[in-house]
PDB file of N, CA and C in Angstrom:
ATOM      1  N   UNK A   1     -36.795  54.048  15.104  1.00  0.00           N
ATOM      2  CA  UNK A   1     -36.844  53.635  13.730  1.00  0.00           C
ATOM      3  C   UNK A   1     -36.004  52.376  13.567  1.00  0.00           C
ATOM      4  N   UNK A   2     -36.566  51.398  12.982  1.00  0.00           N
ATOM      5  CA  UNK A   2     -35.906  50.109  12.801  1.00  0.00           C
ATOM      6  C   UNK A   2     -35.192  50.090  11.455  1.00  0.00           C
ATOM      7  N   UNK A   3     -33.944  49.757  11.534  1.00  0.00           N
ATOM      8  CA  UNK A   3     -33.148  49.675  10.303  1.00  0.00           C
ATOM      9  C   UNK A   3     -33.083  48.228   9.859  1.00  0.00           C
ATOM     10  N   UNK A   4     -33.494  47.972   8.682  1.00  0.00           N
ATOM     11  CA  UNK A   4     -33.352  46.643   8.110  1.00  0.00           C
ATOM     12  C   UNK A   4     -32.366  46.758   6.963  1.00  0.00           C
ATOM     13  N   UNK A   5     -31.347  45.979   7.111  1.00  0.00           N
ATOM     14  CA  UNK A   5     -30.344  46.014   6.072  1.00  0.00           C
ATOM     15  C   UNK A   5     -30.750  45.063   4.950  1.00  0.00           C
ATOM     16  N   UNK A   6     -30.663  45.587   3.788  1.00  0.00           N
ATOM     17  CA  UNK A   6     -30.912  44.737   2.627  1.00  0.00           C
ATOM     18  C   UNK A   6     -29.608  44.058   2.271  1.00  0.00           C
ATOM     19  N   UNK A   7     -29.686  42.745   2.018  1.00  0.00           N
ATOM     20  CA  UNK A   7     -28.451  42.119   1.580  1.00  0.00           C
ATOM     21  C   UNK A   7     -28.063  42.687   0.228  1.00  0.00           C
ATOM     22  N   UNK A   8     -26.850  43.096   0.161  1.00  0.00           N
ATOM     23  CA  UNK A   8     -26.405  43.667  -1.098  1.00  0.00           C
ATOM     24  C   UNK A   8     -26.038  42.540  -2.049  1.00  0.00           C
ATOM     25  N   UNK A   9     -26.158  42.750  -3.303  1.00  0.00           N
ATOM     26  CA  UNK A   9     -25.797  41.690  -4.253  1.00  0.00           C
ATOM     27  C   UNK A   9     -24.292  41.429  -4.199  1.00  0.00           C
ATOM     28  N   UNK A  10     -23.962  40.186  -4.392  1.00  0.00           N
ATOM     29  CA  UNK A  10     -22.542  39.830  -4.368  1.00  0.00           C
ATOM     30  C   UNK A  10     -21.858  40.333  -5.623  1.00  0.00           C
ATOM     31  N   UNK A  11     -20.696  40.837  -5.392  1.00  0.00           N
ATOM     32  CA  UNK A  11     -19.887  41.276  -6.505  1.00  0.00           C
ATOM     33  C   UNK A  11     -19.299  40.028  -7.178  1.00  0.00           C
ATOM     34  N   UNK A  12     -18.964  40.137  -8.441  1.00  0.00           N
ATOM     35  CA  UNK A  12     -18.379  38.973  -9.126  1.00  0.00           C
ATOM     36  C   UNK A  12     -17.133  38.435  -8.421  1.00  0.00           C
ATOM     37  N   UNK A  13     -16.337  39.316  -7.873  1.00  0.00           N
ATOM     38  CA  UNK A  13     -15.114  38.860  -7.199  1.00  0.00           C
ATOM     39  C   UNK A  13     -15.456  38.087  -5.936  1.00  0.00           C
ATOM     40  N   UNK A  14     -16.518  38.495  -5.249  1.00  0.00           N
ATOM     41  CA  UNK A  14     -16.940  37.786  -4.047  1.00  0.00           C
ATOM     42  C   UNK A  14     -17.505  36.412  -4.399  1.00  0.00           C
ATOM     43  N   UNK A  15     -18.247  36.349  -5.493  1.00  0.00           N
ATOM     44  CA  UNK A  15     -18.769  35.056  -5.945  1.00  0.00           C
ATOM     45  C   UNK A  15     -17.622  34.128  -6.317  1.00  0.00           C
ATOM     46  N   UNK A  16     -16.636  34.670  -6.989  1.00  0.00           N
ATOM     47  CA  UNK A  16     -15.476  33.883  -7.370  1.00  0.00           C
ATOM     48  C   UNK A  16     -14.723  33.400  -6.130  1.00  0.00           C
ATOM     49  N   UNK A  17     -14.574  34.264  -5.141  1.00  0.00           N
ATOM     50  CA  UNK A  17     -13.911  33.889  -3.888  1.00  0.00           C
ATOM     51  C   UNK A  17     -14.660  32.747  -3.208  1.00  0.00           C
ATOM     52  N   UNK A  18     -15.985  32.855  -3.131  1.00  0.00           N
ATOM     53  CA  UNK A  18     -16.787  31.804  -2.509  1.00  0.00           C
ATOM     54  C   UNK A  18     -16.660  30.491  -3.283  1.00  0.00           C
ATOM     55  N   UNK A  19     -16.665  30.608  -4.590  1.00  0.00           N
ATOM     56  CA  UNK A  19     -16.508  29.413  -5.420  1.00  0.00           C
ATOM     57  C   UNK A  19     -15.142  28.766  -5.174  1.00  0.00           C
ATOM     58  N   UNK A  20     -14.107  29.585  -5.096  1.00  0.00           N
ATOM     59  CA  UNK A  20     -12.759  29.058  -4.872  1.00  0.00           C
ATOM     60  C   UNK A  20     -12.619  28.435  -3.485  1.00  0.00           C
ATOM     61  N   UNK A  21     -13.256  29.024  -2.492  1.00  0.00           N
ATOM     62  CA  UNK A  21     -13.235  28.431  -1.145  1.00  0.00           C
ATOM     63  C   UNK A  21     -13.879  27.047  -1.164  1.00  0.00           C
ATOM     64  N   UNK A  22     -15.003  26.951  -1.855  1.00  0.00           N
ATOM     65  CA  UNK A  22     -15.683  25.657  -1.973  1.00  0.00           C
ATOM     66  C   UNK A  22     -14.796  24.660  -2.700  1.00  0.00           C
ATOM     67  N   UNK A  23     -14.153  25.110  -3.743  1.00  0.00           N
ATOM     68  CA  UNK A  23     -13.262  24.240  -4.513  1.00  0.00           C
ATOM     69  C   UNK A  23     -12.087  23.772  -3.659  1.00  0.00           C
ATOM     70  N   UNK A  24     -11.529  24.655  -2.838  1.00  0.00           N
ATOM     71  CA  UNK A  24     -10.418  24.292  -1.956  1.00  0.00           C
ATOM     72  C   UNK A  24     -10.862  23.212  -0.969  1.00  0.00           C
ATOM     73  N   UNK A  25     -12.037  23.365  -0.391  1.00  0.00           N
ATOM     74  CA  UNK A  25     -12.554  22.363   0.553  1.00  0.00           C
ATOM     75  C   UNK A  25     -12.715  21.023  -0.152  1.00  0.00           C
ATOM     76  N   UNK A  26     -13.272  21.028  -1.355  1.00  0.00           N
ATOM     77  CA  UNK A  26     -13.475  19.794  -2.115  1.00  0.00           C
ATOM     78  C   UNK A  26     -12.131  19.135  -2.446  1.00  0.00           C
ATOM     79  N   UNK A  27     -11.162  19.942  -2.868  1.00  0.00           N
ATOM     80  CA  UNK A  27      -9.848  19.404  -3.212  1.00  0.00           C
ATOM     81  C   UNK A  27      -9.127  18.833  -1.993  1.00  0.00           C
ATOM     82  N   UNK A  28      -9.272  19.501  -0.837  1.00  0.00           N
ATOM     83  CA  UNK A  28      -8.671  18.975   0.389  1.00  0.00           C
ATOM     84  C   UNK A  28      -9.280  17.622   0.737  1.00  0.00           C
ATOM     85  N   UNK A  29     -10.583  17.507   0.586  1.00  0.00           N
ATOM     86  CA  UNK A  29     -11.265  16.242   0.868  1.00  0.00           C
ATOM     87  C   UNK A  29     -10.771  15.148  -0.078  1.00  0.00           C
ATOM     88  N   UNK A  30     -10.661  15.477  -1.357  1.00  0.00           N
ATOM     89  CA  UNK A  30     -10.146  14.509  -2.335  1.00  0.00           C
ATOM     90  C   UNK A  30      -8.723  14.087  -1.987  1.00  0.00           C
ATOM     91  N   UNK A  31      -7.895  15.056  -1.602  1.00  0.00           N
ATOM     92  CA  UNK A  31      -6.504  14.768  -1.257  1.00  0.00           C
ATOM     93  C   UNK A  31      -6.427  13.847  -0.041  1.00  0.00           C
ATOM     94  N   UNK A  32      -7.258  14.094   0.968  1.00  0.00           N
ATOM     95  CA  UNK A  32      -7.266  13.238   2.153  1.00  0.00           C
ATOM     96  C   UNK A  32      -7.628  11.809   1.780  1.00  0.00           C
ATOM     97  N   UNK A  33      -8.601  11.649   0.906  1.00  0.00           N
ATOM     98  CA  UNK A  33      -8.986  10.312   0.460  1.00  0.00           C
ATOM     99  C   UNK A  33      -7.852   9.624  -0.271  1.00  0.00           C
ATOM    100  N   UNK A  34      -7.171  10.366  -1.119  1.00  0.00           N
ATOM    101  CA  UNK A  34      -6.047   9.788  -1.867  1.00  0.00           C
ATOM    102  C   UNK A  34      -4.882   9.462  -0.954  1.00  0.00           C
ATOM    103  N   UNK A  35      -4.649  10.288   0.073  1.00  0.00           N
ATOM    104  CA  UNK A  35      -3.581  10.001   1.028  1.00  0.00           C
ATOM    105  C   UNK A  35      -3.899   8.737   1.820  1.00  0.00           C
ATOM    106  N   UNK A  36      -5.163   8.563   2.203  1.00  0.00           N
ATOM    107  CA  UNK A  36      -5.555   7.339   2.909  1.00  0.00           C
ATOM    108  C   UNK A  36      -5.352   6.125   2.014  1.00  0.00           C
ATOM    109  N   UNK A  37      -5.718   6.259   0.754  1.00  0.00           N
ATOM    110  CA  UNK A  37      -5.542   5.157  -0.196  1.00  0.00           C
ATOM    111  C   UNK A  37      -4.064   4.830  -0.361  1.00  0.00           C
ATOM    112  N   UNK A  38      -3.240   5.863  -0.465  1.00  0.00           N
ATOM    113  CA  UNK A  38      -1.794   5.676  -0.599  1.00  0.00           C
ATOM    114  C   UNK A  38      -1.221   4.986   0.628  1.00  0.00           C
ATOM    115  N   UNK A  39      -1.635   5.418   1.817  1.00  0.00           N
ATOM    116  CA  UNK A  39      -1.149   4.790   3.048  1.00  0.00           C
ATOM    117  C   UNK A  39      -1.533   3.317   3.092  1.00  0.00           C
ATOM    118  N   UNK A  40      -2.745   2.999   2.667  1.00  0.00           N
ATOM    119  CA  UNK A  40      -3.189   1.598   2.648  1.00  0.00           C
ATOM    120  C   UNK A  40      -2.348   0.783   1.650  1.00  0.00           C
ATOM    121  N   UNK A  41      -2.087   1.354   0.483  1.00  0.00           N
ATOM    122  CA  UNK A  41      -1.253   0.657  -0.499  1.00  0.00           C
ATOM    123  C   UNK A  41       0.163   0.427   0.034  1.00  0.00           C
ATOM    124  N   UNK A  42       0.717   1.414   0.713  1.00  0.00           N
ATOM    125  CA  UNK A  42       2.056   1.267   1.274  1.00  0.00           C
ATOM    126  C   UNK A  42       2.080   0.178   2.339  1.00  0.00           C
ATOM    127  N   UNK A  43       1.045   0.135   3.172  1.00  0.00           N
ATOM    128  CA  UNK A  43       0.937  -0.904   4.188  1.00  0.00           C
ATOM    129  C   UNK A  43       0.872  -2.281   3.535  1.00  0.00           C
ATOM    130  N   UNK A  44       0.018  -2.406   2.522  1.00  0.00           N
ATOM    131  CA  UNK A  44      -0.122  -3.690   1.836  1.00  0.00           C
ATOM    132  C   UNK A  44       1.171  -4.095   1.135  1.00  0.00           C
ATOM    133  N   UNK A  45       1.887  -3.136   0.576  1.00  0.00           N
ATOM    134  CA  UNK A  45       3.162  -3.427  -0.076  1.00  0.00           C
ATOM    135  C   UNK A  45       4.183  -3.935   0.936  1.00  0.00           C
ATOM    136  N   UNK A  46       4.232  -3.305   2.119  1.00  0.00           N
ATOM    137  CA  UNK A  46       5.151  -3.769   3.166  1.00  0.00           C
ATOM    138  C   UNK A  46       4.816  -5.202   3.582  1.00  0.00           C
ATOM    139  N   UNK A  47       3.529  -5.488   3.775  1.00  0.00           N
ATOM    140  CA  UNK A  47       3.118  -6.849   4.149  1.00  0.00           C
ATOM    141  C   UNK A  47       3.471  -7.843   3.053  1.00  0.00           C
ATOM    142  N   UNK A  48       3.254  -7.460   1.812  1.00  0.00           N
ATOM    143  CA  UNK A  48       3.571  -8.344   0.682  1.00  0.00           C
ATOM    144  C   UNK A  48       5.066  -8.626   0.639  1.00  0.00           C
ATOM    145  N   UNK A  49       5.871  -7.584   0.826  1.00  0.00           N
ATOM    146  CA  UNK A  49       7.323  -7.741   0.816  1.00  0.00           C
ATOM    147  C   UNK A  49       7.770  -8.657   1.954  1.00  0.00           C
ATOM    148  N   UNK A  50       7.195  -8.466   3.142  1.00  0.00           N
ATOM    149  CA  UNK A  50       7.535  -9.328   4.276  1.00  0.00           C
ATOM    150  C   UNK A  50       7.157 -10.772   3.985  1.00  0.00           C
ATOM    151  N   UNK A  51       5.998 -10.992   3.400  1.00  0.00           N
ATOM    152  CA  UNK A  51       5.554 -12.348   3.060  1.00  0.00           C
ATOM    153  C   UNK A  51       6.495 -12.974   2.039  1.00  0.00           C
ATOM    154  N   UNK A  52       6.871 -12.206   1.034  1.00  0.00           N
ATOM    155  CA  UNK A  52       7.798 -12.715   0.017  1.00  0.00           C
ATOM    156  C   UNK A  52       9.133 -13.076   0.662  1.00  0.00           C
ATOM    157  N   UNK A  53       9.629 -12.220   1.556  1.00  0.00           N
ATOM    158  CA  UNK A  53      10.898 -12.508   2.232  1.00  0.00           C
ATOM    159  C   UNK A  53      10.798 -13.788   3.066  1.00  0.00           C
ATOM    160  N   UNK A  54       9.684 -13.941   3.793  1.00  0.00           N
ATOM    161  CA  UNK A  54       9.486 -15.157   4.592  1.00  0.00           C
ATOM    162  C   UNK A  54       9.451 -16.397   3.706  1.00  0.00           C
ATOM    163  N   UNK A  55       8.712 -16.322   2.624  1.00  0.00           N
ATOM    164  CA  UNK A  55       8.605 -17.464   1.727  1.00  0.00           C
ATOM    165  C   UNK A  55       9.932 -17.775   1.037  1.00  0.00           C
ATOM    166  N   UNK A  56      10.689 -16.738   0.718  1.00  0.00           N
ATOM    167  CA  UNK A  56      12.010 -16.937   0.119  1.00  0.00           C
ATOM    168  C   UNK A  56      12.919 -17.676   1.096  1.00  0.00           C
ATOM    169  N   UNK A  57      12.868 -17.288   2.359  1.00  0.00           N
ATOM    170  CA  UNK A  57      13.656 -17.976   3.380  1.00  0.00           C
ATOM    171  C   UNK A  57      13.260 -19.442   3.504  1.00  0.00           C
ATOM    172  N   UNK A  58      11.965 -19.707   3.493  1.00  0.00           N
ATOM    173  CA  UNK A  58      11.491 -21.096   3.577  1.00  0.00           C
ATOM    174  C   UNK A  58      11.912 -21.886   2.344  1.00  0.00           C
ATOM    175  N   UNK A  59      11.846 -21.256   1.195  1.00  0.00           N
ATOM    176  CA  UNK A  59      12.254 -21.929  -0.037  1.00  0.00           C
ATOM    177  C   UNK A  59      13.737 -22.273  -0.013  1.00  0.00           C
ATOM    178  N   UNK A  60      14.561 -21.348   0.445  1.00  0.00           N
ATOM    179  CA  UNK A  60      15.996 -21.609   0.548  1.00  0.00           C
ATOM    180  C   UNK A  60      16.280 -22.745   1.521  1.00  0.00           C
ATOM    181  N   UNK A  61      15.554 -22.767   2.637  1.00  0.00           N
ATOM    182  CA  UNK A  61      15.733 -23.849   3.611  1.00  0.00           C
ATOM    183  C   UNK A  61      15.318 -25.189   3.005  1.00  0.00           C
ATOM    184  N   UNK A  62      14.230 -25.205   2.259  1.00  0.00           N
ATOM    185  CA  UNK A  62      13.773 -26.438   1.619  1.00  0.00           C
ATOM    186  C   UNK A  62      14.781 -26.908   0.566  1.00  0.00           C
ATOM    187  N   UNK A  63      15.357 -25.984  -0.162  1.00  0.00           N
ATOM    188  CA  UNK A  63      16.370 -26.355  -1.160  1.00  0.00           C
ATOM    189  C   UNK A  63      17.600 -26.957  -0.491  1.00  0.00           C
ATOM    190  N   UNK A  64      18.014 -26.360   0.613  1.00  0.00           N
ATOM    191  CA  UNK A  64      19.178 -26.895   1.336  1.00  0.00           C
ATOM    192  C   UNK A  64      18.868 -28.293   1.861  1.00  0.00           C
ATOM    193  N   UNK A  65      17.670 -28.488   2.397  1.00  0.00           N
ATOM    194  CA  UNK A  65      17.281 -29.815   2.893  1.00  0.00           C
ATOM    195  C   UNK A  65      17.241 -30.815   1.743  1.00  0.00           C
ATOM    196  N   UNK A  66      16.754 -30.397   0.588  1.00  0.00           N
ATOM    197  CA  UNK A  66      16.713 -31.286  -0.583  1.00  0.00           C
ATOM    198  C   UNK A  66      18.116 -31.679  -1.025  1.00  0.00           C
ATOM    199  N   UNK A  67      19.038 -30.719  -0.990  1.00  0.00           N
ATOM    200  CA  UNK A  67      20.420 -31.034  -1.367  1.00  0.00           C
ATOM    201  C   UNK A  67      21.018 -32.068  -0.418  1.00  0.00           C
ATOM    202  N   UNK A  68      20.730 -31.911   0.889  1.00  0.00           N
ATOM    203  CA  UNK A  68      21.231 -32.884   1.860  1.00  0.00           C
ATOM    204  C   UNK A  68      20.624 -34.257   1.582  1.00  0.00           C
ATOM    205  N   UNK A  69      19.325 -34.286   1.320  1.00  0.00           N
ATOM    206  CA  UNK A  69      18.655 -35.561   1.043  1.00  0.00           C
ATOM    207  C   UNK A  69      19.186 -36.191  -0.240  1.00  0.00           C
ATOM    208  N   UNK A  70      19.441 -35.378  -1.261  1.00  0.00           N
ATOM    209  CA  UNK A  70      20.013 -35.905  -2.507  1.00  0.00           C
ATOM    210  C   UNK A  70      21.381 -36.526  -2.252  1.00  0.00           C
ATOM    211  N   UNK A  71      22.202 -35.856  -1.458  1.00  0.00           N
ATOM    212  CA  UNK A  71      23.535 -36.377  -1.158  1.00  0.00           C
ATOM    213  C   UNK A  71      23.422 -37.683  -0.380  1.00  0.00           C
ATOM    214  N   UNK A  72      22.509 -37.710   0.581  1.00  0.00           N
ATOM    215  CA  UNK A  72      22.302 -38.927   1.368  1.00  0.00           C
ATOM    216  C   UNK A  72      21.786 -40.059   0.483  1.00  0.00           C
ATOM    217  N   UNK A  73      20.879 -39.743  -0.420  1.00  0.00           N
ATOM    218  CA  UNK A  73      20.331 -40.730  -1.352  1.00  0.00           C
ATOM    219  C   UNK A  73      21.436 -41.305  -2.236  1.00  0.00           C
ATOM    220  N   UNK A  74      22.301 -40.449  -2.717  1.00  0.00           N
ATOM    221  CA  UNK A  74      23.412 -40.908  -3.559  1.00  0.00           C
ATOM    222  C   UNK A  74      24.346 -41.821  -2.779  1.00  0.00           C
ATOM    223  N   UNK A  75      24.611 -41.498  -1.504  1.00  0.00           N
ATOM    224  CA  UNK A  75      25.456 -42.359  -0.669  1.00  0.00           C
ATOM    225  C   UNK A  75      24.816 -43.730  -0.489  1.00  0.00           C
ATOM    226  N   UNK A  76      23.500 -43.739  -0.207  1.00  0.00           N
ATOM    227  CA  UNK A  76      22.804 -45.022  -0.044  1.00  0.00           C
ATOM    228  C   UNK A  76      22.798 -45.817  -1.347  1.00  0.00           C
ATOM    229  N   UNK A  77      22.603 -45.130  -2.449  1.00  0.00           N
ATOM    230  CA  UNK A  77      22.607 -45.807  -3.753  1.00  0.00           C
ATOM    231  C   UNK A  77      23.970 -46.411  -4.016  1.00  0.00           C
ATOM    232  N   UNK A  78      25.016 -45.691  -3.630  1.00  0.00           N
ATOM    233  CA  UNK A  78      26.386 -46.197  -3.819  1.00  0.00           C
ATOM    234  C   UNK A  78      26.638 -47.401  -2.911  1.00  0.00           C
ATOM    235  N   UNK A  79      26.068 -47.344  -1.698  1.00  0.00           N
ATOM    236  CA  UNK A  79      26.224 -48.467  -0.767  1.00  0.00           C
ATOM    237  C   UNK A  79      25.518 -49.705  -1.299  1.00  0.00           C
ATOM    238  N   UNK A  80      24.316 -49.541  -1.857  1.00  0.00           N
ATOM    239  CA  UNK A  80      23.561 -50.665  -2.402  1.00  0.00           C
ATOM    240  C   UNK A  80      24.285 -51.223  -3.615  1.00  0.00           C
ATOM    241  N   UNK A  81      24.842 -50.363  -4.387  1.00  0.00           N
ATOM    242  CA  UNK A  81      25.552 -50.756  -5.596  1.00  0.00           C
ATOM    243  C   UNK A  81      26.790 -51.602  -5.246  1.00  0.00           C
ATOM    244  N   UNK A  82      27.476 -51.243  -4.156  1.00  0.00           N
ATOM    245  CA  UNK A  82      28.687 -51.940  -3.750  1.00  0.00           C
ATOM    246  C   UNK A  82      28.397 -53.271  -3.054  1.00  0.00           C
ATOM    247  N   UNK A  83      27.203 -53.414  -2.506  1.00  0.00           N
ATOM    248  CA  UNK A  83      26.949 -54.651  -1.781  1.00  0.00           C
ATOM    249  C   UNK A  83      26.440 -55.774  -2.629  1.00  0.00           C
TER     250      UNK A  83
END
């Protein structure tokens, strides 16, 4: 005699469990996407900060060079004035 099992109807609690499992999978996927986005933003922020630091250093060097040139210009102007 062959026994065929009839699928029994799902109980409400089982349906809720299945729904919650699906929701957990979806939320994990969303979280992974947001974590990847966050990591990319952090990487870009680090690069931006490094670029700003590099440019700040170049700006300070240019200002120092300008001050030297201004002082030299004033000396030459004073020399021309005296001659």
